[in-house]
Amino acid sequence: MNSSNQIQPIANENVLTEKEFQQLLEVDSPTVANIIELFNLRSRVAGFTNHTLKAIYPKLAPVVGYAVTATFRSGYPAENSDSYLGMGSLIQNSSSTPAPKIMVIQDMDEIPRSATYGEVMATAFKTFSFSGLITSGAGRDIEQVRQLNFPCWASSILVSHGYCHFVDSQLPVVVGGLQVKPGDLLHADGNGIVNIPNNIASQVAALCQPFIGAEQQVLDYLNSPNPTAIGYAELMKKMRADIDGLREEIQVKN
């Protein structure tokens, strides 16, 4: 397995604090996507994975972490090996990536020919403090991995490991239509996976509870006794005004 030396580690000033990680873990990925929209940094149809990736265990809590990346093939024998012998090097090469980490693997076969991961790989990544695994390929050992409570996202499920081997590591990859670079900050749950730009990540974390609060006033009203359409419309106006206020705060800071 080759390893790229061209990717620089994430700048220390952009690494989130434990409190900021906790703020992000308390909300779902759609909320994170909504908050990122307030910064007007990218298209509203960019920065997240598409329909081809699914959470294998959608009931597990959200995960947040910095990407460690690799490419993988299983449809054809490798020149030197047809097993996961590159796992040790892959984990060692990830040492410069801040924790928590998420493993992101692009299956280079046009259509996945066999499984990218199973029980052994998932156990290894969990043992070495990875928070989850994302692949454009397939998974297997579904029930065994379920018992690990290790979140996984994949395009499909296949029974065999085929001619499994890693090709390269720590380089930009594409999974579910999303380009992921080493050190990218990802938020993932049963809804999907969203990339949080590192330069605004701390601001996104700080806005989680204010944004939830703006929405919650509408939900509380709808769940109260005898809500009316007029009352609902008024609360929606209030919610939009509060969110616009958050957008204005962002503009002032940036």
C-alpha atoms as a PDB file:
ATOM      1  CA  MET A   1       0.000   0.000   0.000  1.00  0.00           C
ATOM      2  CA  ASN A   2       1.298   3.411  -0.977  1.00  0.00           C
ATOM      3  CA  SER A   3       0.980   6.446   1.289  1.00  0.00           C
ATOM      4  CA  SER A   4       0.678  10.075   0.214  1.00  0.00           C
ATOM      5  CA  ASN A   5       2.947  12.642   1.887  1.00  0.00           C
ATOM      6  CA  GLN A   6       1.403  15.648   0.154  1.00  0.00           C
ATOM      7  CA  ILE A   7      -1.481  16.211   2.576  1.00  0.00           C
ATOM      8  CA  GLN A   8      -0.634  18.508   5.478  1.00  0.00           C
ATOM      9  CA  PRO A   9      -2.171  17.842   8.920  1.00  0.00           C
ATOM     10  CA  ILE A  10      -4.983  20.096  10.099  1.00  0.00           C
ATOM     11  CA  ALA A  11      -3.811  23.381  11.610  1.00  0.00           C
ATOM     12  CA  ASN A  12      -3.732  23.260  15.402  1.00  0.00           C
ATOM     13  CA  GLU A  13      -5.834  26.405  15.719  1.00  0.00           C
ATOM     14  CA  ASN A  14      -8.687  24.673  13.893  1.00  0.00           C
ATOM     15  CA  VAL A  15      -8.814  21.574  16.095  1.00  0.00           C
ATOM     16  CA  LEU A  16     -11.999  21.644  18.139  1.00  0.00           C
ATOM     17  CA  THR A  17     -12.097  21.515  21.922  1.00  0.00           C
ATOM     18  CA  GLU A  18     -13.823  18.713  23.809  1.00  0.00           C
ATOM     19  CA  LYS A  19     -16.704  21.096  24.569  1.00  0.00           C
ATOM     20  CA  GLU A  20     -17.120  21.977  20.895  1.00  0.00           C
ATOM     21  CA  PHE A  21     -17.180  18.317  19.911  1.00  0.00           C
ATOM     22  CA  GLN A  22     -19.871  17.717  22.519  1.00  0.00           C
ATOM     23  CA  GLN A  23     -21.944  20.591  21.140  1.00  0.00           C
ATOM     24  CA  LEU A  24     -21.842  18.991  17.695  1.00  0.00           C
ATOM     25  CA  LEU A  25     -22.654  15.532  19.039  1.00  0.00           C
ATOM     26  CA  GLU A  26     -25.852  16.847  20.614  1.00  0.00           C
ATOM     27  CA  VAL A  27     -27.450  17.682  17.253  1.00  0.00           C
ATOM     28  CA  ASP A  28     -28.217  15.739  14.089  1.00  0.00           C
ATOM     29  CA  SER A  29     -26.588  16.139  10.685  1.00  0.00           C
ATOM     30  CA  PRO A  30     -29.503  18.075   9.106  1.00  0.00           C
ATOM     31  CA  THR A  31     -29.162  20.689  11.853  1.00  0.00           C
ATOM     32  CA  VAL A  32     -25.438  20.962  11.145  1.00  0.00           C
ATOM     33  CA  ALA A  33     -26.191  21.359   7.426  1.00  0.00           C
ATOM     34  CA  ASN A  34     -28.726  24.100   8.213  1.00  0.00           C
ATOM     35  CA  ILE A  35     -26.211  25.995  10.337  1.00  0.00           C
ATOM     36  CA  ILE A  36     -23.515  25.779   7.662  1.00  0.00           C
ATOM     37  CA  GLU A  37     -25.968  27.362   5.189  1.00  0.00           C
ATOM     38  CA  LEU A  38     -25.977  30.499   7.333  1.00  0.00           C
ATOM     39  CA  PHE A  39     -22.330  31.126   6.417  1.00  0.00           C
ATOM     40  CA  ASN A  40     -23.082  31.167   2.669  1.00  0.00           C
ATOM     41  CA  LEU A  41     -19.765  29.466   1.902  1.00  0.00           C
ATOM     42  CA  ARG A  42     -20.978  26.835  -0.551  1.00  0.00           C
ATOM     43  CA  SER A  43     -23.976  25.693  -2.559  1.00  0.00           C
ATOM     44  CA  ARG A  44     -26.868  24.260  -0.556  1.00  0.00           C
ATOM     45  CA  VAL A  45     -26.569  21.075  -2.601  1.00  0.00           C
ATOM     46  CA  ALA A  46     -22.876  20.542  -1.811  1.00  0.00           C
ATOM     47  CA  GLY A  47     -20.893  19.335   1.177  1.00  0.00           C
ATOM     48  CA  PHE A  48     -22.826  16.175   1.991  1.00  0.00           C
ATOM     49  CA  THR A  49     -23.116  12.599   0.757  1.00  0.00           C
ATOM     50  CA  ASN A  50     -25.780  11.509  -1.699  1.00  0.00           C
ATOM     51  CA  HIS A  51     -28.342   8.707  -1.726  1.00  0.00           C
ATOM     52  CA  THR A  52     -25.791   5.991  -2.517  1.00  0.00           C
ATOM     53  CA  LEU A  53     -24.536   5.814   1.076  1.00  0.00           C
ATOM     54  CA  LYS A  54     -26.690   4.532   3.921  1.00  0.00           C
ATOM     55  CA  ALA A  55     -26.145   4.249   7.658  1.00  0.00           C
ATOM     56  CA  ILE A  56     -25.956   0.529   8.376  1.00  0.00           C
ATOM     57  CA  TYR A  57     -26.999   1.238  11.983  1.00  0.00           C
ATOM     58  CA  PRO A  58     -29.171   4.374  11.741  1.00  0.00           C
ATOM     59  CA  LYS A  59     -30.277   4.232  15.394  1.00  0.00           C
ATOM     60  CA  LEU A  60     -26.763   4.873  16.712  1.00  0.00           C
ATOM     61  CA  ALA A  61     -25.918   8.353  17.983  1.00  0.00           C
ATOM     62  CA  PRO A  62     -24.186  10.896  15.720  1.00  0.00           C
ATOM     63  CA  VAL A  63     -20.425  10.807  15.360  1.00  0.00           C
ATOM     64  CA  VAL A  64     -18.013  13.655  14.668  1.00  0.00           C
ATOM     65  CA  GLY A  65     -14.402  13.225  13.678  1.00  0.00           C
ATOM     66  CA  TYR A  66     -11.478  14.058  11.438  1.00  0.00           C
ATOM     67  CA  ALA A  67     -11.139  11.977   8.288  1.00  0.00           C
ATOM     68  CA  VAL A  68      -8.436   9.399   7.720  1.00  0.00           C
ATOM     69  CA  THR A  69      -8.687   8.303   4.085  1.00  0.00           C
ATOM     70  CA  ALA A  70      -7.784   5.311   1.948  1.00  0.00           C
ATOM     71  CA  THR A  71      -8.579   3.705  -1.390  1.00  0.00           C
ATOM     72  CA  PHE A  72      -9.454   0.037  -1.712  1.00  0.00           C
ATOM     73  CA  ARG A  73     -10.083  -2.680  -4.298  1.00  0.00           C
ATOM     74  CA  SER A  74     -11.400  -6.218  -4.073  1.00  0.00           C
ATOM     75  CA  GLY A  75     -12.405  -7.187  -7.608  1.00  0.00           C
ATOM     76  CA  TYR A  76      -8.910  -8.169  -8.769  1.00  0.00           C
ATOM     77  CA  PRO A  77      -5.880  -9.724  -7.043  1.00  0.00           C
ATOM     78  CA  ALA A  78      -3.268  -7.288  -5.745  1.00  0.00           C
ATOM     79  CA  GLU A  79       0.271  -7.511  -7.094  1.00  0.00           C
ATOM     80  CA  ASN A  80       1.775  -8.313  -3.700  1.00  0.00           C
ATOM     81  CA  SER A  81      -1.084  -9.292  -1.420  1.00  0.00           C
ATOM     82  CA  ASP A  82      -4.782 -10.042  -1.416  1.00  0.00           C
ATOM     83  CA  SER A  83      -5.523  -9.398   2.249  1.00  0.00           C
ATOM     84  CA  TYR A  84      -5.867  -6.560   4.745  1.00  0.00           C
ATOM     85  CA  LEU A  85      -2.144  -6.603   5.548  1.00  0.00           C
ATOM     86  CA  GLY A  86      -2.031  -2.826   5.042  1.00  0.00           C
ATOM     87  CA  MET A  87      -4.216  -2.175   8.097  1.00  0.00           C
ATOM     88  CA  GLY A  88      -1.294  -1.741  10.477  1.00  0.00           C
ATOM     89  CA  SER A  89       0.415   0.800   8.233  1.00  0.00           C
ATOM     90  CA  LEU A  90      -2.870   2.600   7.653  1.00  0.00           C
ATOM     91  CA  ILE A  91      -3.473   3.014  11.373  1.00  0.00           C
ATOM     92  CA  GLN A  92       0.140   4.085  11.969  1.00  0.00           C
ATOM     93  CA  ASN A  93      -0.065   6.654   9.158  1.00  0.00           C
ATOM     94  CA  SER A  94      -3.129   8.190  10.804  1.00  0.00           C
ATOM     95  CA  SER A  95      -1.207   9.203  13.927  1.00  0.00           C
ATOM     96  CA  SER A  96      -0.901  12.833  12.791  1.00  0.00           C
ATOM     97  CA  THR A  97      -4.675  13.166  12.462  1.00  0.00           C
ATOM     98  CA  PRO A  98      -6.302  14.580  15.618  1.00  0.00           C
ATOM     99  CA  ALA A  99      -8.781  12.442  17.532  1.00  0.00           C
ATOM    100  CA  PRO A 100     -11.574  11.603  17.212  1.00  0.00           C
ATOM    101  CA  LYS A 101     -11.074  10.025  13.795  1.00  0.00           C
ATOM    102  CA  ILE A 102     -13.405   8.598  11.177  1.00  0.00           C
ATOM    103  CA  MET A 103     -12.115   6.098   8.599  1.00  0.00           C
ATOM    104  CA  VAL A 104     -13.180   6.992   5.042  1.00  0.00           C
ATOM    105  CA  ILE A 105     -12.560   4.398   2.319  1.00  0.00           C
ATOM    106  CA  GLN A 106     -13.244   4.797  -1.394  1.00  0.00           C
ATOM    107  CA  ASP A 107     -13.849   1.526  -3.251  1.00  0.00           C
ATOM    108  CA  MET A 108     -12.071   1.998  -6.568  1.00  0.00           C
ATOM    109  CA  ASP A 109     -13.953  -0.797  -8.322  1.00  0.00           C
ATOM    110  CA  GLU A 110     -16.650   0.732 -10.517  1.00  0.00           C
ATOM    111  CA  ILE A 111     -19.252  -1.415  -8.774  1.00  0.00           C
ATOM    112  CA  PRO A 112     -18.300  -2.965  -5.413  1.00  0.00           C
ATOM    113  CA  ARG A 113     -17.304  -6.561  -6.090  1.00  0.00           C
ATOM    114  CA  SER A 114     -17.131  -7.622  -2.440  1.00  0.00           C
ATOM    115  CA  ALA A 115     -17.057  -6.215   1.084  1.00  0.00           C
ATOM    116  CA  THR A 116     -14.691  -3.444   2.123  1.00  0.00           C
ATOM    117  CA  TYR A 117     -15.040  -4.120   5.845  1.00  0.00           C
ATOM    118  CA  GLY A 118     -16.263  -6.725   8.277  1.00  0.00           C
ATOM    119  CA  GLU A 119     -15.980  -7.676  11.935  1.00  0.00           C
ATOM    120  CA  VAL A 120     -12.168  -7.758  12.117  1.00  0.00           C
ATOM    121  CA  MET A 121     -11.630  -4.389  10.439  1.00  0.00           C
ATOM    122  CA  ALA A 122     -14.378  -2.682  12.442  1.00  0.00           C
ATOM    123  CA  THR A 123     -12.967  -4.115  15.676  1.00  0.00           C
ATOM    124  CA  ALA A 124      -9.474  -2.905  14.784  1.00  0.00           C
ATOM    125  CA  PHE A 125     -10.608   0.639  14.037  1.00  0.00           C
ATOM    126  CA  LYS A 126     -12.693   0.791  17.204  1.00  0.00           C
ATOM    127  CA  THR A 127      -9.738  -0.525  19.233  1.00  0.00           C
ATOM    128  CA  PHE A 128      -7.520   2.249  17.873  1.00  0.00           C
ATOM    129  CA  SER A 129     -10.034   4.994  18.773  1.00  0.00           C
ATOM    130  CA  PHE A 130     -11.797   5.564  15.476  1.00  0.00           C
ATOM    131  CA  SER A 131     -15.384   6.759  15.938  1.00  0.00           C
ATOM    132  CA  GLY A 132     -16.809   5.205  12.778  1.00  0.00           C
ATOM    133  CA  LEU A 133     -16.215   3.983   9.236  1.00  0.00           C
ATOM    134  CA  ILE A 134     -17.525   5.353   5.934  1.00  0.00           C
ATOM    135  CA  THR A 135     -17.068   3.573   2.616  1.00  0.00           C
ATOM    136  CA  SER A 136     -18.411   3.828  -0.895  1.00  0.00           C
ATOM    137  CA  GLY A 137     -18.010   0.052  -0.943  1.00  0.00           C
ATOM    138  CA  ALA A 138     -19.862  -2.693   0.897  1.00  0.00           C
ATOM    139  CA  GLY A 139     -19.947  -4.109   4.400  1.00  0.00           C
ATOM    140  CA  ARG A 140     -20.455  -7.589   5.823  1.00  0.00           C
ATOM    141  CA  ASP A 141     -20.603  -9.335   9.232  1.00  0.00           C
ATOM    142  CA  ILE A 142     -23.546  -7.061   9.896  1.00  0.00           C
ATOM    143  CA  GLU A 143     -24.712  -8.639  13.154  1.00  0.00           C
ATOM    144  CA  GLN A 144     -21.204  -9.006  14.578  1.00  0.00           C
ATOM    145  CA  VAL A 145     -20.399  -5.349  13.875  1.00  0.00           C
ATOM    146  CA  ARG A 146     -23.766  -4.311  15.321  1.00  0.00           C
ATOM    147  CA  GLN A 147     -22.662  -5.729  18.663  1.00  0.00           C
ATOM    148  CA  LEU A 148     -19.619  -3.432  18.581  1.00  0.00           C
ATOM    149  CA  ASN A 149     -21.838  -0.310  18.493  1.00  0.00           C
ATOM    150  CA  PHE A 150     -19.466   0.950  15.817  1.00  0.00           C
ATOM    151  CA  PRO A 151     -21.211   3.276  13.327  1.00  0.00           C
ATOM    152  CA  CYS A 152     -20.742   2.359   9.657  1.00  0.00           C
ATOM    153  CA  TRP A 153     -21.937   3.837   6.378  1.00  0.00           C
ATOM    154  CA  ALA A 154     -21.764   1.881   3.122  1.00  0.00           C
ATOM    155  CA  SER A 155     -23.344   1.597  -0.299  1.00  0.00           C
ATOM    156  CA  SER A 156     -24.336  -2.058   0.059  1.00  0.00           C
ATOM    157  CA  ILE A 157     -23.852  -5.360   1.870  1.00  0.00           C
ATOM    158  CA  LEU A 158     -21.947  -8.271   0.310  1.00  0.00           C
ATOM    159  CA  VAL A 159     -20.975 -11.652   1.709  1.00  0.00           C
ATOM    160  CA  SER A 160     -17.359 -12.088   0.512  1.00  0.00           C
ATOM    161  CA  HIS A 161     -14.114 -10.146   1.001  1.00  0.00           C
ATOM    162  CA  GLY A 162     -12.983 -10.981  -2.540  1.00  0.00           C
ATOM    163  CA  TYR A 163      -9.392  -9.950  -3.334  1.00  0.00           C
ATOM    164  CA  CYS A 164      -9.392  -7.246  -0.674  1.00  0.00           C
ATOM    165  CA  HIS A 165      -6.487  -4.826  -0.501  1.00  0.00           C
ATOM    166  CA  PHE A 166      -5.790  -1.172   0.238  1.00  0.00           C
ATOM    167  CA  VAL A 167      -4.282   0.804  -2.630  1.00  0.00           C
ATOM    168  CA  ASP A 168      -3.307   4.167  -1.113  1.00  0.00           C
ATOM    169  CA  SER A 169      -3.859   6.212   2.022  1.00  0.00           C
ATOM    170  CA  GLN A 170      -4.129   9.780   3.245  1.00  0.00           C
ATOM    171  CA  LEU A 171      -5.165  11.322  -0.071  1.00  0.00           C
ATOM    172  CA  PRO A 172      -8.425  12.915  -1.272  1.00  0.00           C
ATOM    173  CA  VAL A 173     -11.182  10.349  -1.852  1.00  0.00           C
ATOM    174  CA  VAL A 174     -14.796  10.469  -3.034  1.00  0.00           C
ATOM    175  CA  VAL A 175     -17.574   8.669  -1.167  1.00  0.00           C
ATOM    176  CA  GLY A 176     -21.237   9.157  -1.959  1.00  0.00           C
ATOM    177  CA  GLY A 177     -20.425  12.070  -4.256  1.00  0.00           C
ATOM    178  CA  LEU A 178     -18.557  13.915  -1.484  1.00  0.00           C
ATOM    179  CA  GLN A 179     -14.839  14.633  -1.798  1.00  0.00           C
ATOM    180  CA  VAL A 180     -13.135  14.022   1.528  1.00  0.00           C
ATOM    181  CA  LYS A 181      -9.570  15.089   2.260  1.00  0.00           C
ATOM    182  CA  PRO A 182      -7.447  13.870   5.188  1.00  0.00           C
ATOM    183  CA  GLY A 183      -8.283  15.993   8.209  1.00  0.00           C
ATOM    184  CA  ASP A 184     -11.726  17.062   6.975  1.00  0.00           C
ATOM    185  CA  LEU A 185     -14.222  17.316   9.816  1.00  0.00           C
ATOM    186  CA  LEU A 186     -17.276  15.100   9.301  1.00  0.00           C
ATOM    187  CA  HIS A 187     -20.604  14.885  11.127  1.00  0.00           C
ATOM    188  CA  ALA A 188     -22.487  11.669  10.436  1.00  0.00           C
ATOM    189  CA  ASP A 189     -25.677   9.972  11.609  1.00  0.00           C
ATOM    190  CA  GLY A 190     -28.678   8.092  10.243  1.00  0.00           C
ATOM    191  CA  ASN A 191     -29.519  11.013   7.968  1.00  0.00           C
ATOM    192  CA  GLY A 192     -26.158  11.015   6.197  1.00  0.00           C
ATOM    193  CA  ILE A 193     -22.742  12.667   6.313  1.00  0.00           C
ATOM    194  CA  VAL A 194     -21.906  16.366   6.149  1.00  0.00           C
ATOM    195  CA  ASN A 195     -18.506  18.044   5.859  1.00  0.00           C
ATOM    196  CA  ILE A 196     -17.975  20.920   8.310  1.00  0.00           C
ATOM    197  CA  PRO A 197     -15.365  23.372   6.950  1.00  0.00           C
ATOM    198  CA  ASN A 198     -12.565  23.462   9.528  1.00  0.00           C
ATOM    199  CA  ASN A 199     -12.286  27.257   9.425  1.00  0.00           C
ATOM    200  CA  ILE A 200     -15.866  27.690  10.704  1.00  0.00           C
ATOM    201  CA  ALA A 201     -16.196  24.509  12.774  1.00  0.00           C
ATOM    202  CA  SER A 202     -15.942  26.203  16.170  1.00  0.00           C
ATOM    203  CA  GLN A 203     -18.595  28.738  15.144  1.00  0.00           C
ATOM    204  CA  VAL A 204     -20.868  25.963  13.892  1.00  0.00           C
ATOM    205  CA  ALA A 205     -20.510  24.200  17.243  1.00  0.00           C
ATOM    206  CA  ALA A 206     -21.381  27.367  19.172  1.00  0.00           C
ATOM    207  CA  LEU A 207     -24.500  27.916  17.064  1.00  0.00           C
ATOM    208  CA  CYS A 208     -25.978  24.454  17.621  1.00  0.00           C
ATOM    209  CA  GLN A 209     -28.037  25.252  20.700  1.00  0.00           C
ATOM    210  CA  PRO A 210     -29.195  28.733  19.542  1.00  0.00           C
ATOM    211  CA  PHE A 211     -30.349  27.222  16.245  1.00  0.00           C
ATOM    212  CA  ILE A 212     -32.138  24.356  18.012  1.00  0.00           C
ATOM    213  CA  GLY A 213     -33.761  26.899  20.331  1.00  0.00           C
ATOM    214  CA  ALA A 214     -35.098  28.887  17.383  1.00  0.00           C
ATOM    215  CA  GLU A 215     -36.765  25.782  15.966  1.00  0.00           C
ATOM    216  CA  GLN A 216     -37.883  24.400  19.321  1.00  0.00           C
ATOM    217  CA  GLN A 217     -40.250  27.279  20.026  1.00  0.00           C
ATOM    218  CA  VAL A 218     -42.296  26.250  16.966  1.00  0.00           C
ATOM    219  CA  LEU A 219     -42.262  22.584  17.919  1.00  0.00           C
ATOM    220  CA  ASP A 220     -43.271  23.374  21.499  1.00  0.00           C
ATOM    221  CA  TYR A 221     -46.220  25.412  20.243  1.00  0.00           C
ATOM    222  CA  LEU A 222     -47.361  22.694  17.834  1.00  0.00           C
ATOM    223  CA  ASN A 223     -47.248  20.185  20.699  1.00  0.00           C
ATOM    224  CA  SER A 224     -49.126  22.466  23.095  1.00  0.00           C
ATOM    225  CA  PRO A 225     -52.884  22.222  23.745  1.00  0.00           C
ATOM    226  CA  ASN A 226     -55.079  23.750  21.011  1.00  0.00           C
ATOM    227  CA  PRO A 227     -52.513  25.282  18.627  1.00  0.00           C
ATOM    228  CA  THR A 228     -53.973  27.466  15.875  1.00  0.00           C
ATOM    229  CA  ALA A 229     -52.872  28.193  12.324  1.00  0.00           C
ATOM    230  CA  ILE A 230     -52.502  31.873  13.205  1.00  0.00           C
ATOM    231  CA  GLY A 231     -50.373  31.064  16.228  1.00  0.00           C
ATOM    232  CA  TYR A 232     -48.257  28.716  14.155  1.00  0.00           C
ATOM    233  CA  ALA A 233     -47.686  31.398  11.510  1.00  0.00           C
ATOM    234  CA  GLU A 234     -46.607  33.889  14.175  1.00  0.00           C
ATOM    235  CA  LEU A 235     -44.122  31.442  15.701  1.00  0.00           C
ATOM    236  CA  MET A 236     -42.714  30.669  12.250  1.00  0.00           C
ATOM    237  CA  LYS A 237     -42.073  34.385  11.742  1.00  0.00           C
ATOM    238  CA  LYS A 238     -40.372  34.516  15.123  1.00  0.00           C
ATOM    239  CA  MET A 239     -38.233  31.490  14.255  1.00  0.00           C
ATOM    240  CA  ARG A 240     -37.156  33.000  10.937  1.00  0.00           C
ATOM    241  CA  ALA A 241     -36.294  36.279  12.658  1.00  0.00           C
ATOM    242  CA  ASP A 242     -34.185  34.462  15.240  1.00  0.00           C
ATOM    243  CA  ILE A 243     -32.340  32.521  12.543  1.00  0.00           C
ATOM    244  CA  ASP A 244     -31.807  35.722  10.556  1.00  0.00           C
ATOM    245  CA  GLY A 245     -30.314  37.177  13.719  1.00  0.00           C
ATOM    246  CA  LEU A 246     -27.833  34.294  13.862  1.00  0.00           C
ATOM    247  CA  ARG A 247     -26.954  34.922  10.213  1.00  0.00           C
ATOM    248  CA  GLU A 248     -26.308  38.603  10.970  1.00  0.00           C
ATOM    249  CA  GLU A 249     -24.052  37.677  13.894  1.00  0.00           C
ATOM    250  CA  ILE A 250     -22.026  35.490  11.536  1.00  0.00           C
ATOM    251  CA  GLN A 251     -21.635  38.322   9.039  1.00  0.00           C
ATOM    252  CA  VAL A 252     -20.370  40.646  11.771  1.00  0.00           C
ATOM    253  CA  LYS A 253     -17.798  38.072  13.010  1.00  0.00           C
ATOM    254  CA  ASN A 254     -16.580  37.155   9.540  1.00  0.00           C
END
